[in-house]
Amino acid sequence: LFIYQSLLPLPPSLPPSPSISLYNISVGKLNKMVVPKEERDKLVYDIKLSSVVPGKVSGENESHELKPIDLAMKLHYLKGLYFFPNNKTNNNDNNDNNSLISIGEFKNPMFEWLVSYFMTCGRIRLSSDPNPRPVIKLNDAGIRIIEARSGKTVHEWLAMEGFPALQDQLVYGHALGPDLGFSPLVFIQVTLFKCGGVSVGLSWAHILGDVFSASAFMNVLGQHLQGKKAQILAYPDYPRPEYLLAGPSQEPLSLKRVDPVGEHWVAATNCKMGTHVFNLSSTQLAQLISKVHGPKADEQRVDKCFEVISAIMWRTLAKIRKDL
């Protein structure tokens, strides 16, 4: 699942740049650029890996218990991609001085940011119960940062033929395991483009939270990059219920049982997956929103667009499911 959103706020010392997302850019208006197949694997290079940890210790011997709904999502990973174009430099320039933000400037606010999100810095362990279950050990092991470069400009990247299929090169391929106890829960890839623009790719283990949690996670990072004091979030840790619910009498329609995967949390599938892009204009989105929320609905709210599109997709999937 890819989320294309507006840009994160940049530090005040850096020049502002316009927002680019699939909601407000038409790639078809750009000159399509065909990239030879043998060059596609070389679009991103000079890849370096490092880790960033919270600036304060979150606790000693603390764990966060994963609820059943969390474990139901353990094979799912959410991915987000943000673009920061730089329109004030020569597109042929390719040096660190032209970048909107350096890797050091990007990393420095993360230490304080991760104090609020210490749970994302943990690692998966098994509980000490008689029936052990996966938990997140809050050991402040950190999130993984990937630094990369591209010989293309941001606009050249967006104009490449097969643009959606190339986005995996800007978001690190992330899966938990096979060394489950040492696998980071979050990867962030920072790619510096030839024009000085930057992309930020997020890979987020779904056991940490849903798409709105991942979006808030990145928005708080944007506040720290601006030097603002972000609100520290509290993770509720509800006590175990005294009376446990009995097992369901029948398999839920919304879930499908999969074979055990051991310590490598990757969904095994023999199906061939394909990519298809649906281009929705602002007029089409407004018509869909008015049908669901009424003619006076705020058409510019991205959350309403997301809700309406999701509802249509789920309704369509429900129609083609033979067992529903």
C-alpha atoms as a PDB file:
ATOM      1  CA  LEU A   1       0.000   0.000   0.000  1.00  0.00           C
ATOM      2  CA  PHE A   2       1.529   3.298  -1.105  1.00  0.00           C
ATOM      3  CA  ILE A   3       0.426   6.605   0.366  1.00  0.00           C
ATOM      4  CA  TYR A   4       1.224   9.702  -1.671  1.00  0.00           C
ATOM      5  CA  GLN A   5       0.865  12.748   0.549  1.00  0.00           C
ATOM      6  CA  SER A   6       1.766  16.410   0.640  1.00  0.00           C
ATOM      7  CA  LEU A   7       5.254  17.312   1.681  1.00  0.00           C
ATOM      8  CA  LEU A   8       6.563  17.429   5.209  1.00  0.00           C
ATOM      9  CA  PRO A   9       7.349  20.949   6.456  1.00  0.00           C
ATOM     10  CA  LEU A  10      11.016  21.816   5.927  1.00  0.00           C
ATOM     11  CA  PRO A  11      13.188  23.643   8.466  1.00  0.00           C
ATOM     12  CA  PRO A  12      12.754  27.443   8.363  1.00  0.00           C
ATOM     13  CA  SER A  13      16.333  27.860   7.127  1.00  0.00           C
ATOM     14  CA  LEU A  14      15.543  25.968   3.927  1.00  0.00           C
ATOM     15  CA  PRO A  15      13.554  27.382   1.000  1.00  0.00           C
ATOM     16  CA  PRO A  16       9.913  26.321   0.736  1.00  0.00           C
ATOM     17  CA  SER A  17       9.018  23.998  -2.109  1.00  0.00           C
ATOM     18  CA  PRO A  18       5.657  23.245  -3.718  1.00  0.00           C
ATOM     19  CA  SER A  19       3.663  20.198  -2.754  1.00  0.00           C
ATOM     20  CA  ILE A  20       3.605  17.242  -5.099  1.00  0.00           C
ATOM     21  CA  SER A  21       1.252  14.342  -4.642  1.00  0.00           C
ATOM     22  CA  LEU A  22      -0.977  12.182  -6.762  1.00  0.00           C
ATOM     23  CA  TYR A  23      -3.852  14.425  -5.682  1.00  0.00           C
ATOM     24  CA  ASN A  24      -2.554  17.532  -7.401  1.00  0.00           C
ATOM     25  CA  ILE A  25      -0.155  16.569 -10.149  1.00  0.00           C
ATOM     26  CA  SER A  26      -0.897  15.143 -13.569  1.00  0.00           C
ATOM     27  CA  VAL A  27       2.057  13.037 -14.694  1.00  0.00           C
ATOM     28  CA  GLY A  28       0.494  12.868 -18.149  1.00  0.00           C
ATOM     29  CA  LYS A  29       1.283  16.557 -18.688  1.00  0.00           C
ATOM     30  CA  LEU A  30       5.003  15.886 -18.325  1.00  0.00           C
ATOM     31  CA  ASN A  31       7.108  14.605 -21.217  1.00  0.00           C
ATOM     32  CA  LYS A  32       7.146  10.841 -20.754  1.00  0.00           C
ATOM     33  CA  MET A  33      10.683   9.480 -20.418  1.00  0.00           C
ATOM     34  CA  VAL A  34      11.407   5.868 -21.330  1.00  0.00           C
ATOM     35  CA  VAL A  35      14.081   4.203 -19.183  1.00  0.00           C
ATOM     36  CA  PRO A  36      15.825   1.141 -20.674  1.00  0.00           C
ATOM     37  CA  LYS A  37      15.238  -2.016 -18.674  1.00  0.00           C
ATOM     38  CA  GLU A  38      18.949  -2.522 -17.971  1.00  0.00           C
ATOM     39  CA  GLU A  39      19.168   0.952 -16.377  1.00  0.00           C
ATOM     40  CA  ARG A  40      16.185   0.629 -14.042  1.00  0.00           C
ATOM     41  CA  ASP A  41      18.190  -1.099 -11.321  1.00  0.00           C
ATOM     42  CA  LYS A  42      20.795   1.695 -11.430  1.00  0.00           C
ATOM     43  CA  LEU A  43      18.436   4.618 -10.828  1.00  0.00           C
ATOM     44  CA  VAL A  44      19.292   4.648  -7.110  1.00  0.00           C
ATOM     45  CA  TYR A  45      22.867   4.106  -5.910  1.00  0.00           C
ATOM     46  CA  ASP A  46      25.362   4.857  -3.099  1.00  0.00           C
ATOM     47  CA  ILE A  47      23.105   3.222  -0.506  1.00  0.00           C
ATOM     48  CA  LYS A  48      24.171   3.476   3.150  1.00  0.00           C
ATOM     49  CA  LEU A  49      22.433   2.098   6.235  1.00  0.00           C
ATOM     50  CA  SER A  50      22.480   3.475   9.775  1.00  0.00           C
ATOM     51  CA  SER A  51      20.272   3.575  12.880  1.00  0.00           C
ATOM     52  CA  VAL A  52      18.799   6.385  14.971  1.00  0.00           C
ATOM     53  CA  VAL A  53      17.732   5.821  18.587  1.00  0.00           C
ATOM     54  CA  PRO A  54      15.690   7.925  21.057  1.00  0.00           C
ATOM     55  CA  GLY A  55      17.523  10.673  22.901  1.00  0.00           C
ATOM     56  CA  LYS A  56      16.288   9.306  26.250  1.00  0.00           C
ATOM     57  CA  VAL A  57      15.997   5.825  27.692  1.00  0.00           C
ATOM     58  CA  SER A  58      12.363   4.722  27.555  1.00  0.00           C
ATOM     59  CA  GLY A  59      12.560   2.280  30.473  1.00  0.00           C
ATOM     60  CA  GLU A  60      14.161  -0.865  31.784  1.00  0.00           C
ATOM     61  CA  ASN A  61      12.887  -4.329  30.931  1.00  0.00           C
ATOM     62  CA  GLU A  62       9.631  -2.913  29.553  1.00  0.00           C
ATOM     63  CA  SER A  63       7.466  -4.566  26.896  1.00  0.00           C
ATOM     64  CA  HIS A  64       4.362  -3.656  24.924  1.00  0.00           C
ATOM     65  CA  GLU A  65       1.841  -6.450  24.549  1.00  0.00           C
ATOM     66  CA  LEU A  66       0.463  -6.911  21.044  1.00  0.00           C
ATOM     67  CA  LYS A  67      -3.292  -7.301  20.857  1.00  0.00           C
ATOM     68  CA  PRO A  68      -4.969  -9.920  18.622  1.00  0.00           C
ATOM     69  CA  ILE A  69      -5.810  -7.271  16.003  1.00  0.00           C
ATOM     70  CA  ASP A  70      -2.121  -6.263  15.941  1.00  0.00           C
ATOM     71  CA  LEU A  71      -1.024  -9.850  15.353  1.00  0.00           C
ATOM     72  CA  ALA A  72      -3.634 -10.202  12.598  1.00  0.00           C
ATOM     73  CA  MET A  73      -1.666  -7.513  10.731  1.00  0.00           C
ATOM     74  CA  LYS A  74       1.803  -8.944  11.351  1.00  0.00           C
ATOM     75  CA  LEU A  75       2.363  -9.839   7.683  1.00  0.00           C
ATOM     76  CA  HIS A  76       1.322  -6.372   6.481  1.00  0.00           C
ATOM     77  CA  TYR A  77       3.633  -3.410   5.846  1.00  0.00           C
ATOM     78  CA  LEU A  78       2.556   0.148   5.027  1.00  0.00           C
ATOM     79  CA  LYS A  79       4.637   2.315   2.723  1.00  0.00           C
ATOM     80  CA  GLY A  80       4.572   6.071   2.279  1.00  0.00           C
ATOM     81  CA  LEU A  81       6.461   8.287  -0.132  1.00  0.00           C
ATOM     82  CA  TYR A  82       7.047  12.054   0.095  1.00  0.00           C
ATOM     83  CA  PHE A  83       8.668  14.265  -2.564  1.00  0.00           C
ATOM     84  CA  PHE A  84      10.526  17.555  -2.028  1.00  0.00           C
ATOM     85  CA  PRO A  85      11.389  19.124  -5.429  1.00  0.00           C
ATOM     86  CA  ASN A  86      13.995  21.866  -5.661  1.00  0.00           C
ATOM     87  CA  ASN A  87      13.136  24.388  -8.364  1.00  0.00           C
ATOM     88  CA  LYS A  88      15.804  26.958  -7.499  1.00  0.00           C
ATOM     89  CA  THR A  89      18.919  25.196  -8.780  1.00  0.00           C
ATOM     90  CA  ASN A  90      20.244  23.990 -12.093  1.00  0.00           C
ATOM     91  CA  ASN A  91      18.930  20.492 -12.747  1.00  0.00           C
ATOM     92  CA  ASN A  92      22.383  19.417 -13.917  1.00  0.00           C
ATOM     93  CA  ASP A  93      24.024  20.274 -10.615  1.00  0.00           C
ATOM     94  CA  ASN A  94      24.813  17.201  -8.549  1.00  0.00           C
ATOM     95  CA  ASN A  95      26.474  18.066  -5.254  1.00  0.00           C
ATOM     96  CA  ASP A  96      25.551  18.203  -1.596  1.00  0.00           C
ATOM     97  CA  ASN A  97      25.460  22.013  -1.518  1.00  0.00           C
ATOM     98  CA  ASN A  98      22.328  22.065  -3.696  1.00  0.00           C
ATOM     99  CA  SER A  99      20.295  19.659  -1.544  1.00  0.00           C
ATOM    100  CA  LEU A 100      17.287  21.091   0.258  1.00  0.00           C
ATOM    101  CA  ILE A 101      18.408  19.275   3.395  1.00  0.00           C
ATOM    102  CA  SER A 102      21.477  17.249   4.306  1.00  0.00           C
ATOM    103  CA  ILE A 103      21.406  13.841   5.949  1.00  0.00           C
ATOM    104  CA  GLY A 104      22.794  15.367   9.146  1.00  0.00           C
ATOM    105  CA  GLU A 105      20.073  18.033   9.251  1.00  0.00           C
ATOM    106  CA  PHE A 106      17.477  15.334   8.689  1.00  0.00           C
ATOM    107  CA  LYS A 107      18.804  13.059  11.446  1.00  0.00           C
ATOM    108  CA  ASN A 108      19.467  15.586  14.201  1.00  0.00           C
ATOM    109  CA  PRO A 109      15.789  16.225  15.165  1.00  0.00           C
ATOM    110  CA  MET A 110      15.076  12.491  15.147  1.00  0.00           C
ATOM    111  CA  PHE A 111      16.576  11.853  18.585  1.00  0.00           C
ATOM    112  CA  GLU A 112      13.956  13.996  20.296  1.00  0.00           C
ATOM    113  CA  TRP A 113      11.226  12.849  17.871  1.00  0.00           C
ATOM    114  CA  LEU A 114      11.792   9.196  18.754  1.00  0.00           C
ATOM    115  CA  VAL A 115      11.429   9.958  22.454  1.00  0.00           C
ATOM    116  CA  SER A 116       7.718  10.360  21.656  1.00  0.00           C
ATOM    117  CA  TYR A 117       7.676   7.257  19.457  1.00  0.00           C
ATOM    118  CA  PHE A 118       9.905   4.976  21.527  1.00  0.00           C
ATOM    119  CA  MET A 119       7.741   1.950  20.709  1.00  0.00           C
ATOM    120  CA  THR A 120       8.784   2.135  17.036  1.00  0.00           C
ATOM    121  CA  CYS A 121      12.380   1.611  18.192  1.00  0.00           C
ATOM    122  CA  GLY A 122      11.658  -1.724  19.869  1.00  0.00           C
ATOM    123  CA  ARG A 123      12.141  -5.276  18.638  1.00  0.00           C
ATOM    124  CA  ILE A 124       9.906  -8.343  18.566  1.00  0.00           C
ATOM    125  CA  ARG A 125      10.419 -10.867  21.365  1.00  0.00           C
ATOM    126  CA  LEU A 126       8.393 -13.738  22.815  1.00  0.00           C
ATOM    127  CA  SER A 127       6.694 -13.192  26.172  1.00  0.00           C
ATOM    128  CA  SER A 128       7.606 -15.275  29.198  1.00  0.00           C
ATOM    129  CA  ASP A 129       4.040 -16.592  29.611  1.00  0.00           C
ATOM    130  CA  PRO A 130       3.334 -20.347  29.578  1.00  0.00           C
ATOM    131  CA  ASN A 131       1.871 -19.770  26.119  1.00  0.00           C
ATOM    132  CA  PRO A 132       4.411 -17.307  24.690  1.00  0.00           C
ATOM    133  CA  ARG A 133       3.128 -14.573  22.385  1.00  0.00           C
ATOM    134  CA  PRO A 134       5.039 -11.933  20.394  1.00  0.00           C
ATOM    135  CA  VAL A 135       5.564  -8.631  22.224  1.00  0.00           C
ATOM    136  CA  ILE A 136       7.515  -5.483  21.408  1.00  0.00           C
ATOM    137  CA  LYS A 137      10.549  -5.257  23.678  1.00  0.00           C
ATOM    138  CA  LEU A 138      11.116  -1.543  24.398  1.00  0.00           C
ATOM    139  CA  ASN A 139      14.898  -1.736  24.190  1.00  0.00           C
ATOM    140  CA  ASP A 140      15.509   1.519  22.244  1.00  0.00           C
ATOM    141  CA  ALA A 141      17.285  -0.367  19.450  1.00  0.00           C
ATOM    142  CA  GLY A 142      16.238   2.359  16.996  1.00  0.00           C
ATOM    143  CA  ILE A 143      14.803   2.709  13.515  1.00  0.00           C
ATOM    144  CA  ARG A 144      16.797   2.064  10.354  1.00  0.00           C
ATOM    145  CA  ILE A 145      17.810   4.984   8.107  1.00  0.00           C
ATOM    146  CA  ILE A 146      18.782   4.410   4.471  1.00  0.00           C
ATOM    147  CA  GLU A 147      20.728   7.108   2.615  1.00  0.00           C
ATOM    148  CA  ALA A 148      20.695   6.940  -1.195  1.00  0.00           C
ATOM    149  CA  ARG A 149      21.279   9.041  -4.294  1.00  0.00           C
ATOM    150  CA  SER A 150      19.685   9.265  -7.732  1.00  0.00           C
ATOM    151  CA  GLY A 151      21.060  10.690 -10.977  1.00  0.00           C
ATOM    152  CA  LYS A 152      17.563  11.899 -11.926  1.00  0.00           C
ATOM    153  CA  THR A 153      15.709  15.039 -10.920  1.00  0.00           C
ATOM    154  CA  VAL A 154      12.398  14.792  -9.070  1.00  0.00           C
ATOM    155  CA  HIS A 155      10.453  15.843 -12.171  1.00  0.00           C
ATOM    156  CA  GLU A 156      12.368  13.374 -14.351  1.00  0.00           C
ATOM    157  CA  TRP A 157      11.494  10.609 -11.897  1.00  0.00           C
ATOM    158  CA  LEU A 158       7.804  11.509 -11.966  1.00  0.00           C
ATOM    159  CA  ALA A 159       7.864  11.624 -15.764  1.00  0.00           C
ATOM    160  CA  MET A 160       9.413   8.178 -16.225  1.00  0.00           C
ATOM    161  CA  GLU A 161       7.276   5.614 -17.978  1.00  0.00           C
ATOM    162  CA  GLY A 162       6.002   3.043 -15.489  1.00  0.00           C
ATOM    163  CA  PHE A 163       6.354   5.555 -12.641  1.00  0.00           C
ATOM    164  CA  PRO A 164       4.327   3.580 -10.025  1.00  0.00           C
ATOM    165  CA  ALA A 165       6.346   0.387 -10.592  1.00  0.00           C
ATOM    166  CA  LEU A 166       9.627   2.198  -9.833  1.00  0.00           C
ATOM    167  CA  GLN A 167       8.665   3.496  -6.404  1.00  0.00           C
ATOM    168  CA  ASP A 168      10.054   0.426  -4.628  1.00  0.00           C
ATOM    169  CA  GLN A 169      13.505   1.879  -5.266  1.00  0.00           C
ATOM    170  CA  LEU A 170      12.625   4.911  -3.131  1.00  0.00           C
ATOM    171  CA  VAL A 171      11.079   2.895  -0.259  1.00  0.00           C
ATOM    172  CA  TYR A 172      13.290   0.239   1.311  1.00  0.00           C
ATOM    173  CA  GLY A 173      12.084  -3.357   1.005  1.00  0.00           C
ATOM    174  CA  HIS A 174      11.187  -4.155   4.596  1.00  0.00           C
ATOM    175  CA  ALA A 175      10.091  -7.404   6.238  1.00  0.00           C
ATOM    176  CA  LEU A 176      10.445  -8.674   9.805  1.00  0.00           C
ATOM    177  CA  GLY A 177      12.726 -11.687  10.107  1.00  0.00           C
ATOM    178  CA  PRO A 178      14.219 -14.191   9.654  1.00  0.00           C
ATOM    179  CA  ASP A 179      16.248 -12.824  12.599  1.00  0.00           C
ATOM    180  CA  LEU A 180      13.037 -11.521  14.141  1.00  0.00           C
ATOM    181  CA  GLY A 181      14.622 -10.262  17.344  1.00  0.00           C
ATOM    182  CA  PHE A 182      16.990  -7.981  15.420  1.00  0.00           C
ATOM    183  CA  SER A 183      14.625  -6.663  12.727  1.00  0.00           C
ATOM    184  CA  PRO A 184      13.718  -2.932  12.911  1.00  0.00           C
ATOM    185  CA  LEU A 185      10.011  -2.095  12.831  1.00  0.00           C
ATOM    186  CA  VAL A 186      10.480   1.111  10.798  1.00  0.00           C
ATOM    187  CA  PHE A 187      12.693   1.966   7.821  1.00  0.00           C
ATOM    188  CA  ILE A 188      13.070   5.493   6.424  1.00  0.00           C
ATOM    189  CA  GLN A 189      14.884   6.016   3.124  1.00  0.00           C
ATOM    190  CA  VAL A 190      16.187   9.472   2.226  1.00  0.00           C
ATOM    191  CA  THR A 191      17.076   9.800  -1.465  1.00  0.00           C
ATOM    192  CA  LEU A 192      18.966  12.866  -2.720  1.00  0.00           C
ATOM    193  CA  PHE A 193      18.184  13.749  -6.346  1.00  0.00           C
ATOM    194  CA  LYS A 194      20.437  15.462  -8.892  1.00  0.00           C
ATOM    195  CA  CYS A 195      18.407  18.682  -8.752  1.00  0.00           C
ATOM    196  CA  GLY A 196      18.822  18.988  -4.988  1.00  0.00           C
ATOM    197  CA  GLY A 197      15.353  17.616  -4.342  1.00  0.00           C
ATOM    198  CA  VAL A 198      14.704  14.925  -1.771  1.00  0.00           C
ATOM    199  CA  SER A 199      12.322  12.010  -1.357  1.00  0.00           C
ATOM    200  CA  VAL A 200      11.483  10.369   1.957  1.00  0.00           C
ATOM    201  CA  GLY A 201      10.208   6.796   1.856  1.00  0.00           C
ATOM    202  CA  LEU A 202       8.594   5.168   4.881  1.00  0.00           C
ATOM    203  CA  SER A 203       8.210   1.434   5.488  1.00  0.00           C
ATOM    204  CA  TRP A 204       6.074   0.789   8.578  1.00  0.00           C
ATOM    205  CA  ALA A 205       5.228  -2.557  10.199  1.00  0.00           C
ATOM    206  CA  HIS A 206       1.429  -2.663  10.450  1.00  0.00           C
ATOM    207  CA  ILE A 207       1.583  -4.134  13.960  1.00  0.00           C
ATOM    208  CA  LEU A 208       2.546  -0.619  15.138  1.00  0.00           C
ATOM    209  CA  GLY A 209      -0.697   0.962  13.956  1.00  0.00           C
ATOM    210  CA  ASP A 210      -2.877   1.756  10.961  1.00  0.00           C
ATOM    211  CA  VAL A 211      -2.289   4.148   8.075  1.00  0.00           C
ATOM    212  CA  PHE A 212      -3.413   7.161  10.127  1.00  0.00           C
ATOM    213  CA  SER A 213      -0.851   6.277  12.825  1.00  0.00           C
ATOM    214  CA  ALA A 214       1.886   6.080  10.191  1.00  0.00           C
ATOM    215  CA  SER A 215       0.794   9.437   8.729  1.00  0.00           C
ATOM    216  CA  ALA A 216       0.798  11.094  12.169  1.00  0.00           C
ATOM    217  CA  PHE A 217       4.245   9.577  12.802  1.00  0.00           C
ATOM    218  CA  MET A 218       5.655  11.419   9.772  1.00  0.00           C
ATOM    219  CA  ASN A 219       3.732  14.639  10.470  1.00  0.00           C
ATOM    220  CA  VAL A 220       5.288  14.843  13.937  1.00  0.00           C
ATOM    221  CA  LEU A 221       8.708  14.417  12.306  1.00  0.00           C
ATOM    222  CA  GLY A 222       7.845  17.417  10.126  1.00  0.00           C
ATOM    223  CA  GLN A 223       7.130  19.471  13.245  1.00  0.00           C
ATOM    224  CA  HIS A 224      10.512  18.548  14.705  1.00  0.00           C
ATOM    225  CA  LEU A 225      12.240  19.475  11.424  1.00  0.00           C
ATOM    226  CA  GLN A 226      10.660  22.924  11.781  1.00  0.00           C
ATOM    227  CA  GLY A 227      11.974  23.199  15.316  1.00  0.00           C
ATOM    228  CA  LYS A 228       8.521  23.052  16.877  1.00  0.00           C
ATOM    229  CA  LYS A 229       7.716  21.376  20.183  1.00  0.00           C
ATOM    230  CA  ALA A 230       5.599  18.360  19.279  1.00  0.00           C
ATOM    231  CA  GLN A 231       3.113  16.857  21.685  1.00  0.00           C
ATOM    232  CA  ILE A 232       4.398  13.682  23.338  1.00  0.00           C
ATOM    233  CA  LEU A 233       2.067  10.812  22.585  1.00  0.00           C
ATOM    234  CA  ALA A 234       0.881   8.331  25.175  1.00  0.00           C
ATOM    235  CA  TYR A 235       0.427   4.672  24.288  1.00  0.00           C
ATOM    236  CA  PRO A 236      -2.495   3.245  26.269  1.00  0.00           C
ATOM    237  CA  ASP A 237      -1.725  -0.120  27.825  1.00  0.00           C
ATOM    238  CA  TYR A 238      -5.073  -1.537  28.837  1.00  0.00           C
ATOM    239  CA  PRO A 239      -5.139  -4.313  31.459  1.00  0.00           C
ATOM    240  CA  ARG A 240      -6.136  -7.787  30.423  1.00  0.00           C
ATOM    241  CA  PRO A 241      -9.880  -8.386  30.705  1.00  0.00           C
ATOM    242  CA  GLU A 242     -10.945 -10.553  33.605  1.00  0.00           C
ATOM    243  CA  TYR A 243     -13.303 -12.602  31.419  1.00  0.00           C
ATOM    244  CA  LEU A 244     -11.952 -13.557  28.025  1.00  0.00           C
ATOM    245  CA  LEU A 245     -14.279 -13.789  25.056  1.00  0.00           C
ATOM    246  CA  ALA A 246     -15.027 -17.249  23.741  1.00  0.00           C
ATOM    247  CA  GLY A 247     -13.718 -18.190  20.311  1.00  0.00           C
ATOM    248  CA  PRO A 248     -15.915 -17.335  17.317  1.00  0.00           C
ATOM    249  CA  SER A 249     -18.378 -19.971  16.231  1.00  0.00           C
ATOM    250  CA  GLN A 250     -17.351 -19.534  12.602  1.00  0.00           C
ATOM    251  CA  GLU A 251     -14.440 -18.106  10.668  1.00  0.00           C
ATOM    252  CA  PRO A 252     -14.751 -14.308  10.203  1.00  0.00           C
ATOM    253  CA  LEU A 253     -15.381 -13.273   6.613  1.00  0.00           C
ATOM    254  CA  SER A 254     -12.896 -10.399   6.763  1.00  0.00           C
ATOM    255  CA  LEU A 255      -9.904 -12.576   7.715  1.00  0.00           C
ATOM    256  CA  LYS A 256      -8.219 -15.513   6.057  1.00  0.00           C
ATOM    257  CA  ARG A 257      -6.152 -18.051   7.930  1.00  0.00           C
ATOM    258  CA  VAL A 258      -2.613 -18.457   6.592  1.00  0.00           C
ATOM    259  CA  ASP A 259       0.002 -21.128   7.167  1.00  0.00           C
ATOM    260  CA  PRO A 260       2.520 -20.575   9.991  1.00  0.00           C
ATOM    261  CA  VAL A 261       5.412 -18.367   8.888  1.00  0.00           C
ATOM    262  CA  GLY A 262       7.796 -18.887  11.809  1.00  0.00           C
ATOM    263  CA  GLU A 263      10.137 -15.972  12.461  1.00  0.00           C
ATOM    264  CA  HIS A 264      10.014 -14.615   8.917  1.00  0.00           C
ATOM    265  CA  TRP A 265       6.868 -12.501   8.786  1.00  0.00           C
ATOM    266  CA  VAL A 266       6.259 -12.524   5.055  1.00  0.00           C
ATOM    267  CA  ALA A 267       3.056 -13.680   3.404  1.00  0.00           C
ATOM    268  CA  ALA A 268       3.767 -16.610   1.113  1.00  0.00           C
ATOM    269  CA  THR A 269       1.804 -16.408  -2.123  1.00  0.00           C
ATOM    270  CA  ASN A 270       1.976 -18.062  -5.494  1.00  0.00           C
ATOM    271  CA  CYS A 271      -0.199 -15.403  -7.120  1.00  0.00           C
ATOM    272  CA  LYS A 272       1.261 -13.044  -9.671  1.00  0.00           C
ATOM    273  CA  MET A 273       0.685  -9.485  -8.563  1.00  0.00           C
ATOM    274  CA  GLY A 274       0.166  -6.576 -10.915  1.00  0.00           C
ATOM    275  CA  THR A 275      -0.074  -2.796 -10.581  1.00  0.00           C
ATOM    276  CA  HIS A 276      -2.891  -0.641 -11.883  1.00  0.00           C
ATOM    277  CA  VAL A 277      -3.297   3.099 -11.420  1.00  0.00           C
ATOM    278  CA  PHE A 278      -6.696   4.804 -11.286  1.00  0.00           C
ATOM    279  CA  ASN A 279      -6.488   8.492 -12.146  1.00  0.00           C
ATOM    280  CA  LEU A 280      -9.279  10.457 -10.454  1.00  0.00           C
ATOM    281  CA  SER A 281      -9.743  14.105 -11.320  1.00  0.00           C
ATOM    282  CA  SER A 282     -10.853  16.681  -8.752  1.00  0.00           C
ATOM    283  CA  THR A 283     -14.277  16.781 -10.429  1.00  0.00           C
ATOM    284  CA  GLN A 284     -14.703  13.015 -10.101  1.00  0.00           C
ATOM    285  CA  LEU A 285     -13.625  13.112  -6.450  1.00  0.00           C
ATOM    286  CA  ALA A 286     -16.103  15.917  -5.751  1.00  0.00           C
ATOM    287  CA  GLN A 287     -18.918  13.892  -7.306  1.00  0.00           C
ATOM    288  CA  LEU A 288     -18.060  10.816  -5.241  1.00  0.00           C
ATOM    289  CA  ILE A 289     -17.852  12.819  -2.002  1.00  0.00           C
ATOM    290  CA  SER A 290     -21.167  14.567  -2.677  1.00  0.00           C
ATOM    291  CA  LYS A 291     -22.875  11.195  -3.204  1.00  0.00           C
ATOM    292  CA  VAL A 292     -21.653   9.928   0.181  1.00  0.00           C
ATOM    293  CA  HIS A 293     -21.509  13.053   2.370  1.00  0.00           C
ATOM    294  CA  GLY A 294     -23.991  15.300   0.594  1.00  0.00           C
ATOM    295  CA  PRO A 295     -23.538  18.314  -1.712  1.00  0.00           C
ATOM    296  CA  LYS A 296     -22.294  20.604   1.086  1.00  0.00           C
ATOM    297  CA  ALA A 297     -19.362  18.397   2.101  1.00  0.00           C
ATOM    298  CA  ASP A 298     -15.852  19.838   2.245  1.00  0.00           C
ATOM    299  CA  GLU A 299     -14.342  18.397  -0.936  1.00  0.00           C
ATOM    300  CA  GLN A 300     -10.780  19.437  -0.085  1.00  0.00           C
ATOM    301  CA  ARG A 301     -10.450  17.249   2.997  1.00  0.00           C
ATOM    302  CA  VAL A 302      -8.039  14.430   2.146  1.00  0.00           C
ATOM    303  CA  ASP A 303      -9.479  12.144   4.851  1.00  0.00           C
ATOM    304  CA  LYS A 304     -12.903  12.278   3.164  1.00  0.00           C
ATOM    305  CA  CYS A 305     -11.347  11.400  -0.190  1.00  0.00           C
ATOM    306  CA  PHE A 306      -9.577   8.462   1.431  1.00  0.00           C
ATOM    307  CA  GLU A 307     -12.755   7.260   3.156  1.00  0.00           C
ATOM    308  CA  VAL A 308     -14.855   7.421  -0.007  1.00  0.00           C
ATOM    309  CA  ILE A 309     -12.289   5.674  -2.219  1.00  0.00           C
ATOM    310  CA  SER A 310     -11.729   2.977   0.427  1.00  0.00           C
ATOM    311  CA  ALA A 311     -15.474   2.383   0.762  1.00  0.00           C
ATOM    312  CA  ILE A 312     -15.862   1.970  -3.001  1.00  0.00           C
ATOM    313  CA  MET A 313     -12.928  -0.459  -3.172  1.00  0.00           C
ATOM    314  CA  TRP A 314     -14.210  -2.601  -0.284  1.00  0.00           C
ATOM    315  CA  ARG A 315     -17.733  -2.680  -1.726  1.00  0.00           C
ATOM    316  CA  THR A 316     -16.353  -3.780  -5.088  1.00  0.00           C
ATOM    317  CA  LEU A 317     -14.224  -6.492  -3.478  1.00  0.00           C
ATOM    318  CA  ALA A 318     -17.228  -7.716  -1.501  1.00  0.00           C
ATOM    319  CA  LYS A 319     -19.213  -8.130  -4.711  1.00  0.00           C
ATOM    320  CA  ILE A 320     -16.627 -10.373  -6.336  1.00  0.00           C
ATOM    321  CA  ARG A 321     -16.083 -12.566  -3.271  1.00  0.00           C
ATOM    322  CA  LYS A 322     -17.997 -15.762  -3.970  1.00  0.00           C
ATOM    323  CA  ASP A 323     -18.345 -16.724  -0.315  1.00  0.00           C
ATOM    324  CA  LEU A 324     -20.064 -13.493   0.767  1.00  0.00           C
END
